[in-house]
PDB file of N, CA and C in Angstrom:
ATOM      1  N   MET A   1      -6.848   0.588   5.167  1.00  0.00           N
ATOM      2  CA  MET A   1      -7.285   0.394   6.535  1.00  0.00           C
ATOM      3  C   MET A   1      -8.525  -0.484   6.535  1.00  0.00           C
ATOM      4  N   VAL A   2      -8.627  -1.335   7.521  1.00  0.00           N
ATOM      5  CA  VAL A   2      -9.803  -2.170   7.688  1.00  0.00           C
ATOM      6  C   VAL A   2     -10.446  -1.784   9.005  1.00  0.00           C
ATOM      7  N   PHE A   3     -11.738  -1.450   8.977  1.00  0.00           N
ATOM      8  CA  PHE A   3     -12.433  -1.184  10.221  1.00  0.00           C
ATOM      9  C   PHE A   3     -13.826  -1.726  10.127  1.00  0.00           C
ATOM     10  N   LYS A   4     -14.253  -2.327  11.231  1.00  0.00           N
ATOM     11  CA  LYS A   4     -15.484  -3.108  11.311  1.00  0.00           C
ATOM     12  C   LYS A   4     -15.398  -4.180  10.236  1.00  0.00           C
ATOM     13  N   LYS A   5     -16.390  -4.288   9.364  1.00  0.00           N
ATOM     14  CA  LYS A   5     -16.380  -5.331   8.350  1.00  0.00           C
ATOM     15  C   LYS A   5     -16.030  -4.778   6.974  1.00  0.00           C
ATOM     16  N   ASP A   6     -15.664  -3.510   6.914  1.00  0.00           N
ATOM     17  CA  ASP A   6     -15.365  -2.860   5.647  1.00  0.00           C
ATOM     18  C   ASP A   6     -13.864  -2.840   5.394  1.00  0.00           C
ATOM     19  N   ILE A   7     -13.503  -2.956   4.117  1.00  0.00           N
ATOM     20  CA  ILE A   7     -12.114  -2.815   3.712  1.00  0.00           C
ATOM     21  C   ILE A   7     -12.024  -1.533   2.913  1.00  0.00           C
ATOM     22  N   ASN A   8     -11.157  -0.646   3.328  1.00  0.00           N
ATOM     23  CA  ASN A   8     -11.018   0.644   2.679  1.00  0.00           C
ATOM     24  C   ASN A   8      -9.552   0.884   2.339  1.00  0.00           C
ATOM     25  N   PRO A   9      -9.261   1.127   1.085  1.00  0.00           N
ATOM     26  CA  PRO A   9      -7.855   1.297   0.673  1.00  0.00           C
ATOM     27  C   PRO A   9      -7.352   2.724   0.891  1.00  0.00           C
ATOM     28  N   PHE A  10      -7.373   3.189   2.128  1.00  0.00           N
ATOM     29  CA  PHE A  10      -6.908   4.523   2.450  1.00  0.00           C
ATOM     30  C   PHE A  10      -5.617   4.421   3.242  1.00  0.00           C
ATOM     31  N   ILE A  11      -4.688   5.293   2.926  1.00  0.00           N
ATOM     32  CA  ILE A  11      -3.402   5.313   3.620  1.00  0.00           C
ATOM     33  C   ILE A  11      -3.268   6.649   4.338  1.00  0.00           C
ATOM     34  N   PRO A  12      -3.129   6.625   5.673  1.00  0.00           N
ATOM     35  CA  PRO A  12      -2.953   7.890   6.405  1.00  0.00           C
ATOM     36  C   PRO A  12      -1.619   8.531   6.026  1.00  0.00           C
ATOM     37  N   THR A  13      -1.656   9.822   5.764  1.00  0.00           N
ATOM     38  CA  THR A  13      -0.435  10.526   5.364  1.00  0.00           C
ATOM     39  C   THR A  13       0.007  11.580   6.370  1.00  0.00           C
ATOM     40  N   ASP A  14      -0.819  11.892   7.333  1.00  0.00           N
ATOM     41  CA  ASP A  14      -0.472  12.894   8.336  1.00  0.00           C
ATOM     42  C   ASP A  14       0.270  12.195   9.478  1.00  0.00           C
ATOM     43  N   VAL A  15       1.532  12.546   9.675  1.00  0.00           N
ATOM     44  CA  VAL A  15       2.368  11.851  10.654  1.00  0.00           C
ATOM     45  C   VAL A  15       1.954  12.086  12.104  1.00  0.00           C
ATOM     46  N   GLN A  16       1.080  13.067  12.356  1.00  0.00           N
ATOM     47  CA  GLN A  16       0.644  13.289  13.734  1.00  0.00           C
ATOM     48  C   GLN A  16      -0.342  12.213  14.196  1.00  0.00           C
ATOM     49  N   PHE A  17      -0.852  11.424  13.247  1.00  0.00           N
ATOM     50  CA  PHE A  17      -1.811  10.369  13.585  1.00  0.00           C
ATOM     51  C   PHE A  17      -1.211   8.987  13.335  1.00  0.00           C
ATOM     52  N   SER A  18      -1.196   8.160  14.365  1.00  0.00           N
ATOM     53  CA  SER A  18      -0.828   6.760  14.186  1.00  0.00           C
ATOM     54  C   SER A  18      -1.960   6.083  13.418  1.00  0.00           C
ATOM     55  N   ALA A  19      -1.609   5.171  12.521  1.00  0.00           N
ATOM     56  CA  ALA A  19      -2.628   4.435  11.767  1.00  0.00           C
ATOM     57  C   ALA A  19      -3.549   3.669  12.718  1.00  0.00           C
ATOM     58  N   LYS A  20      -2.995   3.136  13.794  1.00  0.00           N
ATOM     59  CA  LYS A  20      -3.813   2.377  14.750  1.00  0.00           C
ATOM     60  C   LYS A  20      -4.714   3.309  15.564  1.00  0.00           C
ATOM     61  N   TYR A  21      -4.264   4.515  15.829  1.00  0.00           N
ATOM     62  CA  TYR A  21      -5.119   5.509  16.482  1.00  0.00           C
ATOM     63  C   TYR A  21      -6.302   5.827  15.576  1.00  0.00           C
ATOM     64  N   LEU A  22      -6.015   6.074  14.304  1.00  0.00           N
ATOM     65  CA  LEU A  22      -7.092   6.343  13.350  1.00  0.00           C
ATOM     66  C   LEU A  22      -8.027   5.149  13.226  1.00  0.00           C
ATOM     67  N   LEU A  23      -7.474   3.959  13.221  1.00  0.00           N
ATOM     68  CA  LEU A  23      -8.291   2.748  13.146  1.00  0.00           C
ATOM     69  C   LEU A  23      -9.252   2.673  14.328  1.00  0.00           C
ATOM     70  N   ALA A  24      -8.760   2.951  15.518  1.00  0.00           N
ATOM     71  CA  ALA A  24      -9.617   2.930  16.711  1.00  0.00           C
ATOM     72  C   ALA A  24     -10.737   3.957  16.597  1.00  0.00           C
ATOM     73  N   ILE A  25     -10.389   5.168  16.187  1.00  0.00           N
ATOM     74  CA  ILE A  25     -11.395   6.230  16.056  1.00  0.00           C
ATOM     75  C   ILE A  25     -12.433   5.852  15.003  1.00  0.00           C
ATOM     76  N   LEU A  26     -11.968   5.440  13.823  1.00  0.00           N
ATOM     77  CA  LEU A  26     -12.884   5.135  12.725  1.00  0.00           C
ATOM     78  C   LEU A  26     -13.763   3.920  12.999  1.00  0.00           C
ATOM     79  N   ALA A  27     -13.265   2.993  13.804  1.00  0.00           N
ATOM     80  CA  ALA A  27     -14.051   1.791  14.112  1.00  0.00           C
ATOM     81  C   ALA A  27     -14.992   1.998  15.300  1.00  0.00           C
ATOM     82  N   SER A  28     -14.926   3.152  15.920  1.00  0.00           N
ATOM     83  CA  SER A  28     -15.764   3.401  17.094  1.00  0.00           C
ATOM     84  C   SER A  28     -17.231   3.575  16.718  1.00  0.00           C
ATOM     85  N   LYS A  29     -18.091   3.295  17.681  1.00  0.00           N
ATOM     86  CA  LYS A  29     -19.521   3.487  17.472  1.00  0.00           C
ATOM     87  C   LYS A  29     -19.851   4.948  17.197  1.00  0.00           C
ATOM     88  N   PHE A  30     -19.155   5.855  17.872  1.00  0.00           N
ATOM     89  CA  PHE A  30     -19.441   7.270  17.703  1.00  0.00           C
ATOM     90  C   PHE A  30     -19.192   7.726  16.267  1.00  0.00           C
ATOM     91  N   ILE A  31     -18.016   7.427  15.728  1.00  0.00           N
ATOM     92  CA  ILE A  31     -17.704   7.868  14.372  1.00  0.00           C
ATOM     93  C   ILE A  31     -18.607   7.146  13.367  1.00  0.00           C
ATOM     94  N   SER A  32     -18.906   5.883  13.607  1.00  0.00           N
ATOM     95  CA  SER A  32     -19.837   5.176  12.732  1.00  0.00           C
ATOM     96  C   SER A  32     -21.188   5.882  12.702  1.00  0.00           C
ATOM     97  N   CYS A  33     -21.693   6.228  13.875  1.00  0.00           N
ATOM     98  CA  CYS A  33     -22.970   6.930  13.985  1.00  0.00           C
ATOM     99  C   CYS A  33     -22.894   8.287  13.296  1.00  0.00           C
ATOM    100  N   LEU A  34     -21.830   9.020  13.561  1.00  0.00           N
ATOM    101  CA  LEU A  34     -21.647  10.340  12.967  1.00  0.00           C
ATOM    102  C   LEU A  34     -21.570  10.244  11.445  1.00  0.00           C
ATOM    103  N   TYR A  35     -20.807   9.288  10.956  1.00  0.00           N
ATOM    104  CA  TYR A  35     -20.618   9.130   9.512  1.00  0.00           C
ATOM    105  C   TYR A  35     -21.924   8.745   8.825  1.00  0.00           C
ATOM    106  N   VAL A  36     -22.607   7.776   9.374  1.00  0.00           N
ATOM    107  CA  VAL A  36     -23.852   7.322   8.752  1.00  0.00           C
ATOM    108  C   VAL A  36     -24.903   8.435   8.756  1.00  0.00           C
ATOM    109  N   SER A  37     -24.950   9.216   9.834  1.00  0.00           N
ATOM    110  CA  SER A  37     -25.960  10.268   9.908  1.00  0.00           C
ATOM    111  C   SER A  37     -25.618  11.493   9.059  1.00  0.00           C
ATOM    112  N   SER A  38     -24.344  11.677   8.711  1.00  0.00           N
ATOM    113  CA  SER A  38     -23.962  12.868   7.959  1.00  0.00           C
ATOM    114  C   SER A  38     -23.629  12.588   6.497  1.00  0.00           C
ATOM    115  N   SER A  39     -23.488  11.339   6.127  1.00  0.00           N
ATOM    116  CA  SER A  39     -23.093  11.000   4.763  1.00  0.00           C
ATOM    117  C   SER A  39     -24.307  10.714   3.896  1.00  0.00           C
ATOM    118  N   VAL A  40     -24.273  11.219   2.688  1.00  0.00           N
ATOM    119  CA  VAL A  40     -25.371  10.950   1.759  1.00  0.00           C
ATOM    120  C   VAL A  40     -25.220   9.591   1.076  1.00  0.00           C
ATOM    121  N   ILE A  41     -24.012   9.020   1.120  1.00  0.00           N
ATOM    122  CA  ILE A  41     -23.799   7.735   0.453  1.00  0.00           C
ATOM    123  C   ILE A  41     -23.459   6.596   1.406  1.00  0.00           C
ATOM    124  N   ALA A  42     -23.365   6.870   2.693  1.00  0.00           N
ATOM    125  CA  ALA A  42     -22.912   5.858   3.657  1.00  0.00           C
ATOM    126  C   ALA A  42     -23.742   4.587   3.604  1.00  0.00           C
ATOM    127  N   THR A  43     -25.026   4.716   3.440  1.00  0.00           N
ATOM    128  CA  THR A  43     -25.887   3.522   3.423  1.00  0.00           C
ATOM    129  C   THR A  43     -26.547   3.329   2.065  1.00  0.00           C
ATOM    130  N   LYS A  44     -25.942   3.901   1.043  1.00  0.00           N
ATOM    131  CA  LYS A  44     -26.455   3.747  -0.313  1.00  0.00           C
ATOM    132  C   LYS A  44     -26.327   2.296  -0.753  1.00  0.00           C
ATOM    133  N   ASP A  45     -27.311   1.806  -1.458  1.00  0.00           N
ATOM    134  CA  ASP A  45     -27.340   0.434  -1.962  1.00  0.00           C
ATOM    135  C   ASP A  45     -27.347  -0.552  -0.789  1.00  0.00           C
ATOM    136  N   ASP A  46     -26.758  -1.727  -0.996  1.00  0.00           N
ATOM    137  CA  ASP A  46     -26.774  -2.766   0.038  1.00  0.00           C
ATOM    138  C   ASP A  46     -25.556  -2.722   0.946  1.00  0.00           C
ATOM    139  N   PHE A  47     -24.527  -1.969   0.575  1.00  0.00           N
ATOM    140  CA  PHE A  47     -23.286  -1.941   1.328  1.00  0.00           C
ATOM    141  C   PHE A  47     -22.936  -0.507   1.695  1.00  0.00           C
ATOM    142  N   ARG A  48     -22.282  -0.350   2.823  1.00  0.00           N
ATOM    143  CA  ARG A  48     -21.832   0.984   3.205  1.00  0.00           C
ATOM    144  C   ARG A  48     -20.808   1.475   2.200  1.00  0.00           C
ATOM    145  N   GLN A  49     -20.900   2.742   1.905  1.00  0.00           N
ATOM    146  CA  GLN A  49     -19.963   3.385   0.995  1.00  0.00           C
ATOM    147  C   GLN A  49     -19.079   4.323   1.798  1.00  0.00           C
ATOM    148  N   THR A  50     -17.818   4.400   1.437  1.00  0.00           N
ATOM    149  CA  THR A  50     -16.891   5.298   2.107  1.00  0.00           C
ATOM    150  C   THR A  50     -16.073   5.998   1.032  1.00  0.00           C
ATOM    151  N   THR A  51     -15.956   7.301   1.146  1.00  0.00           N
ATOM    152  CA  THR A  51     -15.111   8.037   0.208  1.00  0.00           C
ATOM    153  C   THR A  51     -14.056   8.808   0.992  1.00  0.00           C
ATOM    154  N   LEU A  52     -12.947   9.049   0.346  1.00  0.00           N
ATOM    155  CA  LEU A  52     -11.863   9.783   0.980  1.00  0.00           C
ATOM    156  C   LEU A  52     -12.300  11.199   1.343  1.00  0.00           C
ATOM    157  N   SER A  53     -13.062  11.837   0.476  1.00  0.00           N
ATOM    158  CA  SER A  53     -13.489  13.211   0.765  1.00  0.00           C
ATOM    159  C   SER A  53     -14.374  13.269   2.002  1.00  0.00           C
ATOM    160  N   GLU A  54     -15.249  12.293   2.184  1.00  0.00           N
ATOM    161  CA  GLU A  54     -16.098  12.285   3.386  1.00  0.00           C
ATOM    162  C   GLU A  54     -15.295  11.923   4.632  1.00  0.00           C
ATOM    163  N   LEU A  55     -14.340  11.018   4.501  1.00  0.00           N
ATOM    164  CA  LEU A  55     -13.497  10.678   5.652  1.00  0.00           C
ATOM    165  C   LEU A  55     -12.690  11.888   6.107  1.00  0.00           C
ATOM    166  N   ARG A  56     -12.226  12.681   5.163  1.00  0.00           N
ATOM    167  CA  ARG A  56     -11.443  13.872   5.511  1.00  0.00           C
ATOM    168  C   ARG A  56     -12.255  14.889   6.296  1.00  0.00           C
ATOM    169  N   MET A  57     -13.566  14.835   6.185  1.00  0.00           N
ATOM    170  CA  MET A  57     -14.421  15.788   6.890  1.00  0.00           C
ATOM    171  C   MET A  57     -14.720  15.349   8.331  1.00  0.00           C
ATOM    172  N   LEU A  58     -14.369  14.111   8.679  1.00  0.00           N
ATOM    173  CA  LEU A  58     -14.623  13.632  10.040  1.00  0.00           C
ATOM    174  C   LEU A  58     -13.710  14.365  11.024  1.00  0.00           C
ATOM    175  N   PRO A  59     -14.252  14.732  12.167  1.00  0.00           N
ATOM    176  CA  PRO A  59     -13.438  15.447  13.160  1.00  0.00           C
ATOM    177  C   PRO A  59     -12.570  14.480  13.969  1.00  0.00           C
ATOM    178  N   ILE A  60     -11.325  14.347  13.571  1.00  0.00           N
ATOM    179  CA  ILE A  60     -10.390  13.469  14.272  1.00  0.00           C
ATOM    180  C   ILE A  60      -9.517  14.344  15.177  1.00  0.00           C
ATOM    181  N   PRO A  61      -9.609  14.140  16.489  1.00  0.00           N
ATOM    182  CA  PRO A  61      -8.817  14.972  17.409  1.00  0.00           C
ATOM    183  C   PRO A  61      -7.315  14.769  17.218  1.00  0.00           C
ATOM    184  N   ALA A  62      -6.603  15.866  17.048  1.00  0.00           N
ATOM    185  CA  ALA A  62      -5.148  15.827  16.961  1.00  0.00           C
ATOM    186  C   ALA A  62      -4.612  15.898  18.390  1.00  0.00           C
ATOM    187  N   ILE A  63      -4.238  14.746  18.911  1.00  0.00           N
ATOM    188  CA  ILE A  63      -3.737  14.673  20.281  1.00  0.00           C
ATOM    189  C   ILE A  63      -2.303  14.143  20.248  1.00  0.00           C
ATOM    190  N   PRO A  64      -1.531  14.429  21.287  1.00  0.00           N
ATOM    191  CA  PRO A  64      -0.145  13.939  21.331  1.00  0.00           C
ATOM    192  C   PRO A  64      -0.082  12.408  21.249  1.00  0.00           C
ATOM    193  N   SER A  65       1.014  11.913  20.738  1.00  0.00           N
ATOM    194  CA  SER A  65       1.158  10.468  20.550  1.00  0.00           C
ATOM    195  C   SER A  65       1.010   9.694  21.857  1.00  0.00           C
ATOM    196  N   GLU A  66       1.454  10.288  22.973  1.00  0.00           N
ATOM    197  CA  GLU A  66       1.309   9.571  24.252  1.00  0.00           C
ATOM    198  C   GLU A  66      -0.163   9.433  24.656  1.00  0.00           C
ATOM    199  N   ASP A  67      -1.006  10.369  24.218  1.00  0.00           N
ATOM    200  CA  ASP A  67      -2.437  10.269  24.508  1.00  0.00           C
ATOM    201  C   ASP A  67      -3.145   9.305  23.554  1.00  0.00           C
ATOM    202  N   GLN A  68      -2.517   9.020  22.424  1.00  0.00           N
ATOM    203  CA  GLN A  68      -3.049   8.046  21.479  1.00  0.00           C
ATOM    204  C   GLN A  68      -2.765   6.613  21.957  1.00  0.00           C
ATOM    205  N   ALA A  69      -1.773   6.463  22.823  1.00  0.00           N
ATOM    206  CA  ALA A  69      -1.270   5.153  23.244  1.00  0.00           C
ATOM    207  C   ALA A  69      -2.344   4.200  23.789  1.00  0.00           C
ATOM    208  N   PRO A  70      -3.284   4.637  24.649  1.00  0.00           N
ATOM    209  CA  PRO A  70      -4.283   3.690  25.153  1.00  0.00           C
ATOM    210  C   PRO A  70      -5.152   3.093  24.042  1.00  0.00           C
ATOM    211  N   LEU A  71      -5.512   3.909  23.062  1.00  0.00           N
ATOM    212  CA  LEU A  71      -6.301   3.398  21.943  1.00  0.00           C
ATOM    213  C   LEU A  71      -5.471   2.438  21.091  1.00  0.00           C
ATOM    214  N   ILE A  72      -4.222   2.793  20.872  1.00  0.00           N
ATOM    215  CA  ILE A  72      -3.326   1.942  20.088  1.00  0.00           C
ATOM    216  C   ILE A  72      -3.132   0.596  20.783  1.00  0.00           C
ATOM    217  N   ALA A  73      -2.979   0.618  22.095  1.00  0.00           N
ATOM    218  CA  ALA A  73      -2.805  -0.634  22.856  1.00  0.00           C
ATOM    219  C   ALA A  73      -4.025  -1.538  22.704  1.00  0.00           C
ATOM    220  N   LEU A  74      -5.216  -0.955  22.727  1.00  0.00           N
ATOM    221  CA  LEU A  74      -6.426  -1.762  22.553  1.00  0.00           C
ATOM    222  C   LEU A  74      -6.513  -2.338  21.144  1.00  0.00           C
ATOM    223  N   VAL A  75      -6.146  -1.540  20.146  1.00  0.00           N
ATOM    224  CA  VAL A  75      -6.116  -2.045  18.768  1.00  0.00           C
ATOM    225  C   VAL A  75      -5.127  -3.199  18.661  1.00  0.00           C
ATOM    226  N   ASP A  76      -3.951  -3.055  19.275  1.00  0.00           N
ATOM    227  CA  ASP A  76      -2.956  -4.135  19.260  1.00  0.00           C
ATOM    228  C   ASP A  76      -3.516  -5.412  19.891  1.00  0.00           C
ATOM    229  N   GLN A  77      -4.252  -5.264  20.995  1.00  0.00           N
ATOM    230  CA  GLN A  77      -4.846  -6.437  21.644  1.00  0.00           C
ATOM    231  C   GLN A  77      -5.884  -7.110  20.745  1.00  0.00           C
ATOM    232  N   ILE A  78      -6.680  -6.317  20.065  1.00  0.00           N
ATOM    233  CA  ILE A  78      -7.690  -6.874  19.154  1.00  0.00           C
ATOM    234  C   ILE A  78      -7.003  -7.590  17.994  1.00  0.00           C
ATOM    235  N   LEU A  79      -6.002  -6.952  17.409  1.00  0.00           N
ATOM    236  CA  LEU A  79      -5.292  -7.572  16.285  1.00  0.00           C
ATOM    237  C   LEU A  79      -4.627  -8.880  16.702  1.00  0.00           C
ATOM    238  N   ALA A  80      -4.016  -8.899  17.885  1.00  0.00           N
ATOM    239  CA  ALA A  80      -3.371 -10.121  18.379  1.00  0.00           C
ATOM    240  C   ALA A  80      -4.393 -11.218  18.611  1.00  0.00           C
ATOM    241  N   ALA A  81      -5.533 -10.865  19.199  1.00  0.00           N
ATOM    242  CA  ALA A  81      -6.586 -11.855  19.453  1.00  0.00           C
ATOM    243  C   ALA A  81      -7.124 -12.425  18.149  1.00  0.00           C
ATOM    244  N   LYS A  82      -7.345 -11.565  17.164  1.00  0.00           N
ATOM    245  CA  LYS A  82      -7.876 -12.008  15.868  1.00  0.00           C
ATOM    246  C   LYS A  82      -6.848 -12.819  15.081  1.00  0.00           C
ATOM    247  N   LYS A  83      -5.560 -12.499  15.282  1.00  0.00           N
ATOM    248  CA  LYS A  83      -4.519 -13.281  14.619  1.00  0.00           C
ATOM    249  C   LYS A  83      -4.459 -14.693  15.202  1.00  0.00           C
ATOM    250  N   ALA A  84      -4.589 -14.778  16.522  1.00  0.00           N
ATOM    251  CA  ALA A  84      -4.568 -16.082  17.186  1.00  0.00           C
ATOM    252  C   ALA A  84      -5.811 -16.891  16.872  1.00  0.00           C
ATOM    253  N   ASP A  85      -6.952 -16.203  16.789  1.00  0.00           N
ATOM    254  CA  ASP A  85      -8.230 -16.868  16.514  1.00  0.00           C
ATOM    255  C   ASP A  85      -9.129 -15.872  15.789  1.00  0.00           C
ATOM    256  N   PRO A  86      -9.289 -16.027  14.473  1.00  0.00           N
ATOM    257  CA  PRO A  86     -10.101 -15.079  13.712  1.00  0.00           C
ATOM    258  C   PRO A  86     -11.530 -14.920  14.247  1.00  0.00           C
ATOM    259  N   GLN A  87     -12.007 -15.876  15.005  1.00  0.00           N
ATOM    260  CA  GLN A  87     -13.352 -15.807  15.573  1.00  0.00           C
ATOM    261  C   GLN A  87     -13.358 -15.290  17.012  1.00  0.00           C
ATOM    262  N   ALA A  88     -12.218 -14.821  17.481  1.00  0.00           N
ATOM    263  CA  ALA A  88     -12.115 -14.345  18.869  1.00  0.00           C
ATOM    264  C   ALA A  88     -13.145 -13.247  19.147  1.00  0.00           C
ATOM    265  N   ASP A  89     -13.707 -13.293  20.327  1.00  0.00           N
ATOM    266  CA  ASP A  89     -14.683 -12.291  20.749  1.00  0.00           C
ATOM    267  C   ASP A  89     -13.927 -11.088  21.322  1.00  0.00           C
ATOM    268  N   THR A  90     -13.939 -10.002  20.600  1.00  0.00           N
ATOM    269  CA  THR A  90     -13.209  -8.803  21.019  1.00  0.00           C
ATOM    270  C   THR A  90     -14.168  -7.675  21.412  1.00  0.00           C
ATOM    271  N   ARG A  91     -15.400  -8.013  21.666  1.00  0.00           N
ATOM    272  CA  ARG A  91     -16.392  -6.979  21.993  1.00  0.00           C
ATOM    273  C   ARG A  91     -16.026  -6.175  23.241  1.00  0.00           C
ATOM    274  N   THR A  92     -15.448  -6.804  24.237  1.00  0.00           N
ATOM    275  CA  THR A  92     -15.055  -6.082  25.451  1.00  0.00           C
ATOM    276  C   THR A  92     -14.002  -5.028  25.125  1.00  0.00           C
ATOM    277  N   LEU A  93     -13.026  -5.396  24.310  1.00  0.00           N
ATOM    278  CA  LEU A  93     -11.993  -4.447  23.903  1.00  0.00           C
ATOM    279  C   LEU A  93     -12.592  -3.330  23.043  1.00  0.00           C
ATOM    280  N   GLU A  94     -13.521  -3.686  22.177  1.00  0.00           N
ATOM    281  CA  GLU A  94     -14.181  -2.687  21.336  1.00  0.00           C
ATOM    282  C   GLU A  94     -14.993  -1.709  22.190  1.00  0.00           C
ATOM    283  N   ARG A  95     -15.629  -2.207  23.241  1.00  0.00           N
ATOM    284  CA  ARG A  95     -16.370  -1.317  24.153  1.00  0.00           C
ATOM    285  C   ARG A  95     -15.416  -0.378  24.883  1.00  0.00           C
ATOM    286  N   GLN A  96     -14.228  -0.880  25.216  1.00  0.00           N
ATOM    287  CA  GLN A  96     -13.236  -0.018  25.867  1.00  0.00           C
ATOM    288  C   GLN A  96     -12.796   1.101  24.924  1.00  0.00           C
ATOM    289  N   ILE A  97     -12.639   0.781  23.643  1.00  0.00           N
ATOM    290  CA  ILE A  97     -12.317   1.809  22.655  1.00  0.00           C
ATOM    291  C   ILE A  97     -13.444   2.830  22.593  1.00  0.00           C
ATOM    292  N   ASP A  98     -14.683   2.351  22.525  1.00  0.00           N
ATOM    293  CA  ASP A  98     -15.828   3.266  22.474  1.00  0.00           C
ATOM    294  C   ASP A  98     -15.830   4.201  23.673  1.00  0.00           C
ATOM    295  N   THR A  99     -15.569   3.674  24.864  1.00  0.00           N
ATOM    296  CA  THR A  99     -15.543   4.494  26.077  1.00  0.00           C
ATOM    297  C   THR A  99     -14.470   5.573  25.982  1.00  0.00           C
ATOM    298  N   LEU A 100     -13.274   5.205  25.538  1.00  0.00           N
ATOM    299  CA  LEU A 100     -12.195   6.179  25.388  1.00  0.00           C
ATOM    300  C   LEU A 100     -12.549   7.235  24.333  1.00  0.00           C
ATOM    301  N   VAL A 101     -13.195   6.815  23.258  1.00  0.00           N
ATOM    302  CA  VAL A 101     -13.583   7.759  22.213  1.00  0.00           C
ATOM    303  C   VAL A 101     -14.655   8.716  22.730  1.00  0.00           C
ATOM    304  N   TYR A 102     -15.616   8.201  23.493  1.00  0.00           N
ATOM    305  CA  TYR A 102     -16.638   9.082  24.078  1.00  0.00           C
ATOM    306  C   TYR A 102     -15.982  10.153  24.953  1.00  0.00           C
ATOM    307  N   GLU A 103     -14.992   9.733  25.752  1.00  0.00           N
ATOM    308  CA  GLU A 103     -14.273  10.678  26.611  1.00  0.00           C
ATOM    309  C   GLU A 103     -13.484  11.680  25.768  1.00  0.00           C
ATOM    310  N   LEU A 104     -12.826  11.193  24.726  1.00  0.00           N
ATOM    311  CA  LEU A 104     -12.019  12.043  23.856  1.00  0.00           C
ATOM    312  C   LEU A 104     -12.851  13.149  23.211  1.00  0.00           C
ATOM    313  N   TYR A 105     -14.064  12.806  22.821  1.00  0.00           N
ATOM    314  CA  TYR A 105     -14.947  13.774  22.171  1.00  0.00           C
ATOM    315  C   TYR A 105     -15.822  14.531  23.168  1.00  0.00           C
ATOM    316  N   GLY A 106     -15.733  14.172  24.446  1.00  0.00           N
ATOM    317  CA  GLY A 106     -16.491  14.876  25.473  1.00  0.00           C
ATOM    318  C   GLY A 106     -17.998  14.670  25.372  1.00  0.00           C
ATOM    319  N   LEU A 107     -18.415  13.470  24.997  1.00  0.00           N
ATOM    320  CA  LEU A 107     -19.843  13.200  24.862  1.00  0.00           C
ATOM    321  C   LEU A 107     -20.530  13.154  26.225  1.00  0.00           C
ATOM    322  N   THR A 108     -21.746  13.648  26.262  1.00  0.00           N
ATOM    323  CA  THR A 108     -22.556  13.586  27.477  1.00  0.00           C
ATOM    324  C   THR A 108     -23.207  12.210  27.562  1.00  0.00           C
ATOM    325  N   GLU A 109     -23.789  11.913  28.713  1.00  0.00           N
ATOM    326  CA  GLU A 109     -24.493  10.633  28.886  1.00  0.00           C
ATOM    327  C   GLU A 109     -25.633  10.491  27.873  1.00  0.00           C
ATOM    328  N   ASP A 110     -26.358  11.584  27.621  1.00  0.00           N
ATOM    329  CA  ASP A 110     -27.450  11.546  26.643  1.00  0.00           C
ATOM    330  C   ASP A 110     -26.924  11.267  25.241  1.00  0.00           C
ATOM    331  N   GLU A 111     -25.806  11.888  24.892  1.00  0.00           N
ATOM    332  CA  GLU A 111     -25.227  11.653  23.560  1.00  0.00           C
ATOM    333  C   GLU A 111     -24.730  10.218  23.439  1.00  0.00           C
ATOM    334  N   ILE A 112     -24.127   9.693  24.491  1.00  0.00           N
ATOM    335  CA  ILE A 112     -23.672   8.303  24.470  1.00  0.00           C
ATOM    336  C   ILE A 112     -24.862   7.371  24.326  1.00  0.00           C
ATOM    337  N   SER A 113     -25.931   7.638  25.041  1.00  0.00           N
ATOM    338  CA  SER A 113     -27.147   6.810  24.929  1.00  0.00           C
ATOM    339  C   SER A 113     -27.678   6.828  23.509  1.00  0.00           C
ATOM    340  N   PHE A 114     -27.644   7.991  22.875  1.00  0.00           N
ATOM    341  CA  PHE A 114     -28.110   8.097  21.491  1.00  0.00           C
ATOM    342  C   PHE A 114     -27.241   7.241  20.583  1.00  0.00           C
ATOM    343  N   VAL A 115     -25.925   7.396  20.706  1.00  0.00           N
ATOM    344  CA  VAL A 115     -24.981   6.631  19.867  1.00  0.00           C
ATOM    345  C   VAL A 115     -25.175   5.144  20.090  1.00  0.00           C
ATOM    346  N   GLU A 116     -25.280   4.731  21.337  1.00  0.00           N
ATOM    347  CA  GLU A 116     -25.439   3.311  21.653  1.00  0.00           C
ATOM    348  C   GLU A 116     -26.764   2.759  21.112  1.00  0.00           C
ATOM    349  N   GLY A 117     -27.767   3.612  20.971  1.00  0.00           N
ATOM    350  CA  GLY A 117     -29.076   3.166  20.489  1.00  0.00           C
ATOM    351  C   GLY A 117     -29.182   3.105  18.988  1.00  0.00           C
ATOM    352  N   VAL A 118     -28.235   3.714  18.264  1.00  0.00           N
ATOM    353  CA  VAL A 118     -28.267   3.715  16.794  1.00  0.00           C
ATOM    354  C   VAL A 118     -27.751   2.384  16.295  1.00  0.00           C
ATOM    355  N   LYS A 119     -28.510   1.820  15.387  1.00  0.00           N
ATOM    356  CA  LYS A 119     -28.106   0.527  14.793  1.00  0.00           C
ATOM    357  C   LYS A 119     -27.572   0.723  13.402  1.00  0.00           C
TER     358      LYS A 119
END
């Protein structure tokens, strides 16, 4: 799976999760913030580190496939835009994913402000 600027050789094996749904969740600002703040190796050295054991500890909501569809559609739009033009600006689509993820996790306005403020 590739998310943000990292390449991670992980293959989803749980059939209840679409790979694109997982991609949307993992690439979201919320999960990035959560991972960096909870991982002892996430910012080790000059590059972010990701391990399978730490990824397995992330709280990924198990929702029906029809509820995964909006996130999957946004991932499809980003992939299509990047295929057509690798330099395409997909920030608007990425913000839409973040908004859906905030709703999925039930974040409050204060929690969203915190996540948005983390660099």
